Amino acid sequence: MSKNRVEALSDGVFAIVITLLILEIRVPDVEYNQLLSSLVALLPRIFAYVISFGVIGVYWLAHHQSLQLIGRLNGFLIWLNFLYLLAVSFMPFPTALLGRYPMQPIPIVVYGLNLIVANATGLALTLYLRAHSELGSGLAHRASHKSLFLYGFVNVSYVLAILLGFLAPAMSYAIFVVVLMVVIVYYSFSPVARNVAGVHGDGALGQTAADRAAGAPRH
């Protein structure tokens, strides 16, 4: 299967998911003298929308960078991509929960688990490419070791947010925001893919496999 078809399908899913997020925010059907209080009541949904919009934007960028490193697709990579899209397409549901039931533990748990599943899928893709360098495109990202460190930081942070959801929900919200900001900063200074010299040589394959396979971390 052509990688272009996978990219087109994935981009379509991302576009639909971002569109679905905004459907939770509707103009209040109230009298004008009640408009301000109604808009204030919408703030939790607006917050959930903004956070999830940023998260999905990071996921899209991470997915794009990962596909840059893939030269050939096999069945496992295709289904791994579908699993990733499954986690991404589920995002509107926990986002709606977070907006409708602010500062409650169950929405925080569902939201955090959704993010962890998406990140775990991204990590699986990274490790699979690391172990199968023959699927590489001949491109690599510098400082690939930092991406694996960021995977750990992000997922541990989300586990902490889930646990704090039962004790201090505001701290869970703060963790979601801080993690998003950290990952956005990472991508703002993340180097673009570069050609790997001698990628077709026997020695070069062993030398650059880890670098080539290390996909950008999902948020």
Protein backbone atom coordinates (compact mmCIF):
# COMPACT_ATOMS: atom_id res chain seq x y z
CA MET A 1 0.00 0.00 0.00
CA SER A 2 1.22 3.49 -0.83
CA LYS A 3 2.28 5.65 2.10
CA ASN A 4 0.38 8.54 0.49
CA ARG A 5 -2.92 6.70 1.01
CA VAL A 6 -2.15 6.20 4.69
CA GLU A 7 -1.24 9.88 5.04
CA ALA A 8 -4.44 10.97 3.27
CA LEU A 9 -6.62 8.75 5.45
CA SER A 10 -4.87 9.89 8.61
CA ASP A 11 -5.16 13.59 7.74
CA GLY A 12 -8.86 13.11 7.06
CA VAL A 13 -9.38 11.53 10.48
CA PHE A 14 -7.52 14.36 12.20
CA ALA A 15 -9.61 16.97 10.36
CA ILE A 16 -12.87 15.29 11.36
CA VAL A 17 -11.82 14.89 14.99
CA ILE A 18 -10.89 18.57 15.32
CA THR A 19 -14.25 19.51 13.79
CA LEU A 20 -16.15 17.27 16.23
CA LEU A 21 -14.51 18.96 19.22
CA ILE A 22 -16.21 22.31 18.58
CA LEU A 23 -19.69 20.75 18.41
CA GLU A 24 -19.79 20.66 22.22
CA ILE A 25 -19.69 24.48 22.35
CA ARG A 26 -22.99 26.03 21.31
CA VAL A 27 -24.42 29.52 21.53
CA PRO A 28 -26.61 29.69 24.67
CA ASP A 29 -30.33 29.89 23.91
CA VAL A 30 -31.13 32.41 26.66
CA GLU A 31 -32.32 35.95 27.07
CA TYR A 32 -29.68 38.66 26.74
CA ASN A 33 -29.70 39.45 30.46
CA GLN A 34 -28.65 35.84 31.12
CA LEU A 35 -26.01 35.70 28.39
CA LEU A 36 -23.00 36.56 30.55
CA SER A 37 -23.74 33.90 33.15
CA SER A 38 -24.38 31.38 30.38
CA LEU A 39 -21.04 32.17 28.75
CA VAL A 40 -19.29 31.75 32.10
CA ALA A 41 -20.95 28.35 32.44
CA LEU A 42 -19.41 27.42 29.07
CA LEU A 43 -15.85 28.06 30.26
CA PRO A 44 -15.16 24.42 31.27
CA ARG A 45 -16.17 23.25 27.79
CA ILE A 46 -14.06 25.95 26.16
CA PHE A 47 -11.10 24.93 28.31
CA ALA A 48 -11.52 21.26 27.36
CA TYR A 49 -11.82 22.25 23.69
CA VAL A 50 -8.64 24.36 23.69
CA ILE A 51 -6.59 21.69 25.49
CA SER A 52 -7.80 18.92 23.20
CA PHE A 53 -7.28 21.06 20.09
CA GLY A 54 -3.66 21.56 21.14
CA VAL A 55 -3.21 17.87 21.94
CA ILE A 56 -4.58 16.76 18.57
CA GLY A 57 -2.40 19.33 16.83
CA VAL A 58 0.65 17.82 18.52
CA TYR A 59 -0.53 14.32 17.63
CA TRP A 60 -0.89 15.32 13.99
CA LEU A 61 2.62 16.80 13.91
CA ALA A 62 4.07 13.73 15.63
CA HIS A 63 2.29 11.47 13.16
CA HIS A 64 3.63 13.50 10.23
CA GLN A 65 7.19 13.30 11.53
CA SER A 66 6.88 9.55 12.15
CA LEU A 67 5.69 8.94 8.58
CA GLN A 68 8.72 10.85 7.31
CA LEU A 69 10.89 8.10 8.74
CA ILE A 70 8.96 5.27 7.08
CA GLY A 71 10.08 4.16 3.63
CA ARG A 72 7.99 1.00 3.30
CA LEU A 73 4.79 -0.14 4.96
CA ASN A 74 3.89 -3.62 6.08
CA GLY A 75 0.68 -5.01 7.54
CA PHE A 76 1.74 -4.48 11.14
CA LEU A 77 2.54 -0.80 10.60
CA ILE A 78 -0.79 -0.25 8.84
CA TRP A 79 -2.76 -1.75 11.73
CA LEU A 80 -0.63 0.08 14.25
CA ASN A 81 -1.56 3.29 12.45
CA PHE A 82 -5.24 2.31 12.62
CA LEU A 83 -4.87 1.74 16.37
CA TYR A 84 -3.34 5.18 16.71
CA LEU A 85 -6.19 6.73 14.72
CA LEU A 86 -8.66 4.86 16.95
CA ALA A 87 -7.19 6.56 20.02
CA VAL A 88 -7.21 9.96 18.30
CA SER A 89 -10.77 9.62 17.01
CA PHE A 90 -11.99 8.81 20.54
CA MET A 91 -10.75 12.17 21.85
CA PRO A 92 -14.06 14.10 21.42
CA PHE A 93 -15.76 11.80 23.95
CA PRO A 94 -13.45 12.39 26.97
CA THR A 95 -13.23 16.04 25.92
CA ALA A 96 -17.03 16.31 26.20
CA LEU A 97 -16.94 14.57 29.59
CA LEU A 98 -14.26 16.96 30.81
CA GLY A 99 -16.33 19.95 29.71
CA ARG A 100 -19.69 18.76 31.06
CA TYR A 101 -18.41 17.49 34.40
CA PRO A 102 -15.53 19.82 35.38
CA MET A 103 -13.28 18.96 38.32
CA GLN A 104 -14.69 15.43 38.59
CA PRO A 105 -12.44 12.35 38.76
CA ILE A 106 -14.12 10.05 36.22
CA PRO A 107 -13.76 12.45 33.24
CA ILE A 108 -10.13 13.08 34.24
CA VAL A 109 -9.45 9.32 34.35
CA VAL A 110 -11.08 8.69 30.96
CA TYR A 111 -9.27 11.66 29.40
CA GLY A 112 -5.89 10.65 30.83
CA LEU A 113 -6.28 7.03 29.77
CA ASN A 114 -7.14 8.11 26.23
CA LEU A 115 -3.94 10.16 26.06
CA ILE A 116 -1.86 7.31 27.48
CA VAL A 117 -3.23 4.85 24.90
CA ALA A 118 -2.38 7.24 22.06
CA ASN A 119 1.12 7.76 23.45
CA ALA A 120 1.65 4.04 23.96
CA THR A 121 0.72 3.45 20.32
CA GLY A 122 3.25 6.07 19.25
CA LEU A 123 5.92 4.42 21.40
CA ALA A 124 5.10 1.02 19.89
CA LEU A 125 5.55 2.51 16.42
CA THR A 126 8.90 4.00 17.42
CA LEU A 127 10.21 0.76 18.91
CA TYR A 128 8.98 -1.28 15.95
CA LEU A 129 10.81 0.96 13.50
CA ARG A 130 13.91 0.79 15.70
CA ALA A 131 13.81 -3.00 15.42
CA HIS A 132 13.07 -3.02 11.66
CA SER A 133 15.45 -0.55 10.09
CA GLU A 134 14.78 -2.02 6.63
CA LEU A 135 11.45 -0.14 6.68
CA GLY A 136 13.19 3.21 7.14
CA SER A 137 13.05 5.99 4.55
CA GLY A 138 16.68 7.03 4.88
CA LEU A 139 15.70 10.06 6.96
CA ALA A 140 16.38 10.59 10.65
CA HIS A 141 15.75 13.12 13.40
CA ARG A 142 18.65 14.38 15.47
CA ALA A 143 18.58 13.96 19.24
CA SER A 144 16.32 10.91 18.95
CA HIS A 145 17.16 9.88 22.53
CA LYS A 146 15.25 12.94 23.76
CA SER A 147 12.05 11.68 22.15
CA LEU A 148 12.09 8.48 24.22
CA PHE A 149 12.74 10.51 27.36
CA LEU A 150 9.78 12.74 26.51
CA TYR A 151 7.54 9.69 26.04
CA GLY A 152 8.37 8.67 29.61
CA PHE A 153 7.88 12.16 31.02
CA VAL A 154 4.51 12.63 29.33
CA ASN A 155 3.04 9.26 30.29
CA VAL A 156 4.23 9.41 33.89
CA SER A 157 2.71 12.89 34.11
CA TYR A 158 -0.63 11.58 32.84
CA VAL A 159 -0.62 8.73 35.36
CA LEU A 160 -0.02 11.33 38.08
CA ALA A 161 -2.87 13.46 36.72
CA ILE A 162 -5.23 10.46 36.84
CA LEU A 163 -4.33 9.74 40.46
CA LEU A 164 -4.66 13.38 41.48
CA GLY A 165 -8.11 13.47 39.87
CA PHE A 166 -9.47 11.80 43.01
CA LEU A 167 -7.68 14.15 45.39
CA ALA A 168 -6.95 17.47 43.69
CA PRO A 169 -8.66 17.76 40.27
CA ALA A 170 -7.28 21.27 39.72
CA MET A 171 -3.76 19.79 39.82
CA SER A 172 -4.76 17.28 37.15
CA TYR A 173 -5.89 20.14 34.91
CA ALA A 174 -2.60 21.94 35.60
CA ILE A 175 -0.63 18.83 34.59
CA PHE A 176 -2.54 18.56 31.30
CA VAL A 177 -1.71 22.19 30.53
CA VAL A 178 1.96 21.99 31.55
CA VAL A 179 2.57 18.79 29.59
CA LEU A 180 0.99 20.33 26.49
CA MET A 181 3.19 23.43 26.83
CA VAL A 182 6.33 21.32 27.26
CA VAL A 183 5.59 19.27 24.17
CA ILE A 184 4.75 22.36 22.11
CA VAL A 185 8.11 23.87 23.10
CA TYR A 186 9.81 20.60 22.17
CA TYR A 187 8.28 20.65 18.70
CA SER A 188 9.06 24.34 18.27
CA PHE A 189 12.78 23.53 18.48
CA SER A 190 12.70 19.95 17.23
CA PRO A 191 15.04 19.43 14.26
CA VAL A 192 13.53 18.45 10.95
CA ALA A 193 14.29 15.12 9.31
CA ARG A 194 17.65 14.87 7.54
CA ASN A 195 19.20 12.41 5.13
CA VAL A 196 21.30 9.70 6.69
CA ALA A 197 24.64 9.39 4.93
CA GLY A 198 25.32 5.92 3.61
CA VAL A 199 21.96 4.54 4.66
CA HIS A 200 22.16 1.77 2.08
CA GLY A 201 25.52 0.51 3.27
CA ASP A 202 25.69 -2.56 5.51
CA GLY A 203 27.57 -0.75 8.25
CA ALA A 204 25.41 2.35 8.07
CA LEU A 205 22.24 0.37 8.69
CA GLY A 206 23.44 -0.80 12.05
CA GLN A 207 24.83 2.60 12.94
CA THR A 208 21.74 4.67 12.12
CA ALA A 209 18.87 2.31 12.80
CA ALA A 210 18.09 3.76 16.22
CA ASP A 211 18.32 7.32 14.96
CA ARG A 212 16.20 6.64 11.90
CA ALA A 213 13.55 4.76 13.79
CA ALA A 214 13.04 7.17 16.66
CA GLY A 215 9.78 8.89 15.78
CA ALA A 216 8.79 12.20 17.36
CA PRO A 217 6.91 11.62 20.61
CA ARG A 218 3.19 12.04 20.82
CA HIS A 219 1.83 14.33 23.42
